[in-house]
Amino acid sequence: METNQDYTIENFRGIYPPITVPKGTRLTHQTAMGIDESYHFVNEFGWIDRDYPEIKQLLKHDVVYSGINIPIEFVTF
């Protein structure tokens, strides 16, 4: 499962500028409580290093531990 187009979050965690998850980013149904098919969390993080080098450490931490849930209309199975 992956994103089928770029997805931009305008106010991720209230502290970041607009963040764009690129098309083709792998996703997962894995949550802290197990598998839940209603969630589509970002599960690939190399784009953060490439696209946001100035904030990559903080952003990657927040994406890994808080997650970015991609809406179903942006998901290809």
N, C-alpha and C. Protein backbone atom coordinates (compact mmCIF):
# COMPACT_ATOMS: atom_id res chain seq x y z
N MET A 1 0.85 -1.16 0.00
CA MET A 1 0.00 0.00 0.00
C MET A 1 0.91 1.23 0.00
N GLU A 2 0.50 2.24 -0.76
CA GLU A 2 1.31 3.45 -0.88
C GLU A 2 0.43 4.64 -1.25
N THR A 3 1.01 5.83 -1.16
CA THR A 3 0.28 7.03 -1.56
C THR A 3 0.17 7.06 -3.08
N ASN A 4 -0.99 7.47 -3.59
CA ASN A 4 -1.21 7.52 -5.04
C ASN A 4 -0.99 8.91 -5.63
N GLN A 5 -0.72 9.88 -4.76
CA GLN A 5 -0.38 11.24 -5.16
C GLN A 5 0.25 11.94 -3.96
N ASP A 6 0.86 13.08 -4.19
CA ASP A 6 1.41 13.84 -3.08
C ASP A 6 0.29 14.22 -2.12
N TYR A 7 0.60 14.20 -0.83
CA TYR A 7 -0.37 14.59 0.20
C TYR A 7 0.29 15.63 1.09
N THR A 8 -0.30 16.83 1.18
CA THR A 8 0.27 17.92 1.96
C THR A 8 -0.52 18.13 3.24
N ILE A 9 0.21 18.22 4.35
CA ILE A 9 -0.35 18.51 5.66
C ILE A 9 0.02 19.95 5.97
N GLU A 10 -0.97 20.79 6.16
CA GLU A 10 -0.73 22.22 6.35
C GLU A 10 -0.17 22.56 7.73
N ASN A 11 -0.53 21.81 8.76
CA ASN A 11 -0.16 22.20 10.12
C ASN A 11 0.14 20.97 10.97
N PHE A 12 1.07 20.13 10.53
CA PHE A 12 1.40 18.90 11.24
C PHE A 12 1.88 19.23 12.65
N ARG A 13 1.19 18.71 13.64
CA ARG A 13 1.49 18.89 15.06
C ARG A 13 1.52 20.35 15.50
N GLY A 14 1.04 21.25 14.66
CA GLY A 14 0.95 22.65 15.02
C GLY A 14 2.27 23.40 15.05
N ILE A 15 3.36 22.75 14.62
CA ILE A 15 4.67 23.41 14.72
C ILE A 15 5.46 23.41 13.42
N TYR A 16 4.98 22.72 12.40
CA TYR A 16 5.74 22.60 11.16
C TYR A 16 5.14 23.44 10.05
N PRO A 17 5.99 23.84 9.11
CA PRO A 17 5.45 24.43 7.88
C PRO A 17 4.72 23.32 7.11
N PRO A 18 4.06 23.62 6.01
CA PRO A 18 3.42 22.55 5.24
C PRO A 18 4.41 21.43 4.90
N ILE A 19 3.98 20.20 5.15
CA ILE A 19 4.79 19.00 4.91
C ILE A 19 4.09 18.20 3.81
N THR A 20 4.83 17.82 2.77
CA THR A 20 4.26 17.04 1.68
C THR A 20 4.85 15.63 1.68
N VAL A 21 3.96 14.65 1.85
CA VAL A 21 4.33 13.24 1.73
C VAL A 21 4.26 12.91 0.24
N PRO A 22 5.38 12.48 -0.36
CA PRO A 22 5.38 12.27 -1.81
C PRO A 22 4.61 11.03 -2.27
N LYS A 23 4.14 11.11 -3.50
CA LYS A 23 3.49 9.97 -4.15
C LYS A 23 4.44 8.77 -4.11
N GLY A 24 3.88 7.59 -3.83
CA GLY A 24 4.67 6.37 -3.80
C GLY A 24 5.24 6.02 -2.43
N THR A 25 4.95 6.82 -1.40
CA THR A 25 5.44 6.55 -0.06
C THR A 25 4.70 5.34 0.51
N ARG A 26 5.45 4.38 1.04
CA ARG A 26 4.84 3.18 1.61
C ARG A 26 4.08 3.51 2.90
N LEU A 27 2.97 2.78 3.09
CA LEU A 27 2.09 2.98 4.24
C LEU A 27 1.88 1.67 4.97
N THR A 28 1.37 1.75 6.20
CA THR A 28 1.09 0.56 7.00
C THR A 28 -0.21 0.73 7.77
N HIS A 29 -0.83 -0.40 8.11
CA HIS A 29 -2.00 -0.40 8.99
C HIS A 29 -1.58 -0.57 10.45
N GLN A 30 -0.30 -0.71 10.70
CA GLN A 30 0.19 -0.96 12.07
C GLN A 30 -0.02 0.26 12.95
N THR A 31 -0.66 0.05 14.10
CA THR A 31 -0.83 1.09 15.12
C THR A 31 -0.18 0.60 16.40
N ALA A 32 -0.17 1.43 17.42
CA ALA A 32 0.39 1.03 18.71
C ALA A 32 -0.39 -0.13 19.32
N MET A 33 -1.63 -0.28 18.93
CA MET A 33 -2.48 -1.34 19.48
C MET A 33 -2.60 -2.54 18.56
N GLY A 34 -1.88 -2.56 17.45
CA GLY A 34 -1.94 -3.67 16.50
C GLY A 34 -2.38 -3.19 15.13
N ILE A 35 -2.84 -4.12 14.31
CA ILE A 35 -3.27 -3.81 12.95
C ILE A 35 -4.69 -3.24 12.98
N ASP A 36 -4.86 -2.11 12.31
CA ASP A 36 -6.19 -1.50 12.17
C ASP A 36 -6.28 -0.97 10.74
N GLU A 37 -7.09 -1.63 9.93
CA GLU A 37 -7.16 -1.31 8.51
C GLU A 37 -7.81 0.04 8.21
N SER A 38 -8.29 0.73 9.22
CA SER A 38 -8.85 2.06 8.99
C SER A 38 -7.77 3.15 9.03
N TYR A 39 -6.54 2.76 9.39
CA TYR A 39 -5.42 3.69 9.42
C TYR A 39 -4.45 3.39 8.28
N HIS A 40 -3.84 4.44 7.76
CA HIS A 40 -2.87 4.32 6.67
C HIS A 40 -1.68 5.21 7.04
N PHE A 41 -0.86 4.72 7.95
CA PHE A 41 0.26 5.49 8.47
C PHE A 41 1.47 5.43 7.55
N VAL A 42 2.16 6.56 7.43
CA VAL A 42 3.42 6.62 6.69
C VAL A 42 4.39 5.63 7.32
N ASN A 43 5.05 4.82 6.48
CA ASN A 43 5.96 3.79 6.96
C ASN A 43 7.28 3.81 6.19
N GLU A 44 7.60 4.93 5.60
CA GLU A 44 8.84 5.12 4.85
C GLU A 44 9.27 6.55 5.11
N PHE A 45 10.55 6.75 5.41
CA PHE A 45 10.97 8.04 5.94
C PHE A 45 12.13 8.70 5.20
N GLY A 46 12.64 8.10 4.15
CA GLY A 46 13.76 8.67 3.40
C GLY A 46 13.44 10.02 2.79
N TRP A 47 12.20 10.24 2.44
CA TRP A 47 11.79 11.52 1.85
C TRP A 47 11.99 12.67 2.83
N ILE A 48 11.95 12.39 4.12
CA ILE A 48 12.17 13.45 5.12
C ILE A 48 13.60 13.94 5.04
N ASP A 49 14.56 13.03 4.97
CA ASP A 49 15.98 13.42 4.84
C ASP A 49 16.21 14.23 3.57
N ARG A 50 15.59 13.80 2.49
CA ARG A 50 15.78 14.45 1.19
C ARG A 50 15.09 15.81 1.11
N ASP A 51 13.83 15.88 1.55
CA ASP A 51 13.02 17.07 1.33
C ASP A 51 13.04 18.09 2.47
N TYR A 52 13.42 17.65 3.67
CA TYR A 52 13.38 18.55 4.84
C TYR A 52 14.67 18.43 5.66
N PRO A 53 15.83 18.63 5.03
CA PRO A 53 17.10 18.40 5.74
C PRO A 53 17.30 19.29 6.97
N GLU A 54 16.74 20.49 6.97
CA GLU A 54 16.94 21.40 8.09
C GLU A 54 16.22 20.94 9.36
N ILE A 55 15.14 20.19 9.20
CA ILE A 55 14.33 19.77 10.36
C ILE A 55 14.17 18.25 10.41
N LYS A 56 15.03 17.53 9.70
CA LYS A 56 14.82 16.10 9.51
C LYS A 56 14.78 15.30 10.81
N GLN A 57 15.63 15.62 11.77
CA GLN A 57 15.65 14.81 12.99
C GLN A 57 14.36 14.96 13.79
N LEU A 58 13.93 16.18 14.01
CA LEU A 58 12.70 16.42 14.76
C LEU A 58 11.48 15.91 13.99
N LEU A 59 11.43 16.20 12.70
CA LEU A 59 10.29 15.77 11.89
C LEU A 59 10.20 14.25 11.83
N LYS A 60 11.32 13.58 11.60
CA LYS A 60 11.30 12.12 11.52
C LYS A 60 10.84 11.52 12.85
N HIS A 61 11.31 12.06 13.96
CA HIS A 61 10.87 11.59 15.28
C HIS A 61 9.35 11.71 15.41
N ASP A 62 8.81 12.87 15.06
CA ASP A 62 7.38 13.09 15.21
C ASP A 62 6.56 12.22 14.26
N VAL A 63 7.06 12.00 13.04
CA VAL A 63 6.34 11.14 12.09
C VAL A 63 6.37 9.69 12.58
N VAL A 64 7.49 9.24 13.11
CA VAL A 64 7.59 7.86 13.60
C VAL A 64 6.71 7.64 14.83
N TYR A 65 6.76 8.56 15.79
CA TYR A 65 6.07 8.35 17.06
C TYR A 65 4.64 8.88 17.10
N SER A 66 4.31 9.88 16.32
CA SER A 66 2.93 10.39 16.28
C SER A 66 2.18 9.87 15.06
N GLY A 67 2.90 9.66 13.97
CA GLY A 67 2.31 9.13 12.76
C GLY A 67 1.65 10.19 11.90
N ILE A 68 1.63 9.94 10.62
CA ILE A 68 0.84 10.71 9.66
C ILE A 68 -0.14 9.72 9.04
N ASN A 69 -1.41 9.93 9.32
CA ASN A 69 -2.45 9.07 8.78
C ASN A 69 -2.93 9.66 7.45
N ILE A 70 -2.72 8.93 6.37
CA ILE A 70 -3.07 9.39 5.03
C ILE A 70 -4.54 9.06 4.75
N PRO A 71 -5.35 10.03 4.31
CA PRO A 71 -6.74 9.75 3.96
C PRO A 71 -6.85 8.70 2.85
N ILE A 72 -7.90 7.92 2.90
CA ILE A 72 -8.09 6.79 1.98
C ILE A 72 -8.05 7.22 0.51
N GLU A 73 -8.51 8.41 0.18
CA GLU A 73 -8.51 8.84 -1.22
C GLU A 73 -7.12 9.07 -1.78
N PHE A 74 -6.11 9.08 -0.92
CA PHE A 74 -4.70 9.24 -1.34
C PHE A 74 -3.94 7.91 -1.28
N VAL A 75 -4.66 6.78 -1.11
CA VAL A 75 -4.04 5.48 -0.90
C VAL A 75 -4.33 4.54 -2.07
N THR A 76 -3.27 3.82 -2.52
CA THR A 76 -3.42 2.74 -3.49
C THR A 76 -3.02 1.44 -2.80
N PHE A 77 -3.87 0.43 -2.96
CA PHE A 77 -3.62 -0.87 -2.32
C PHE A 77 -2.93 -1.81 -3.28
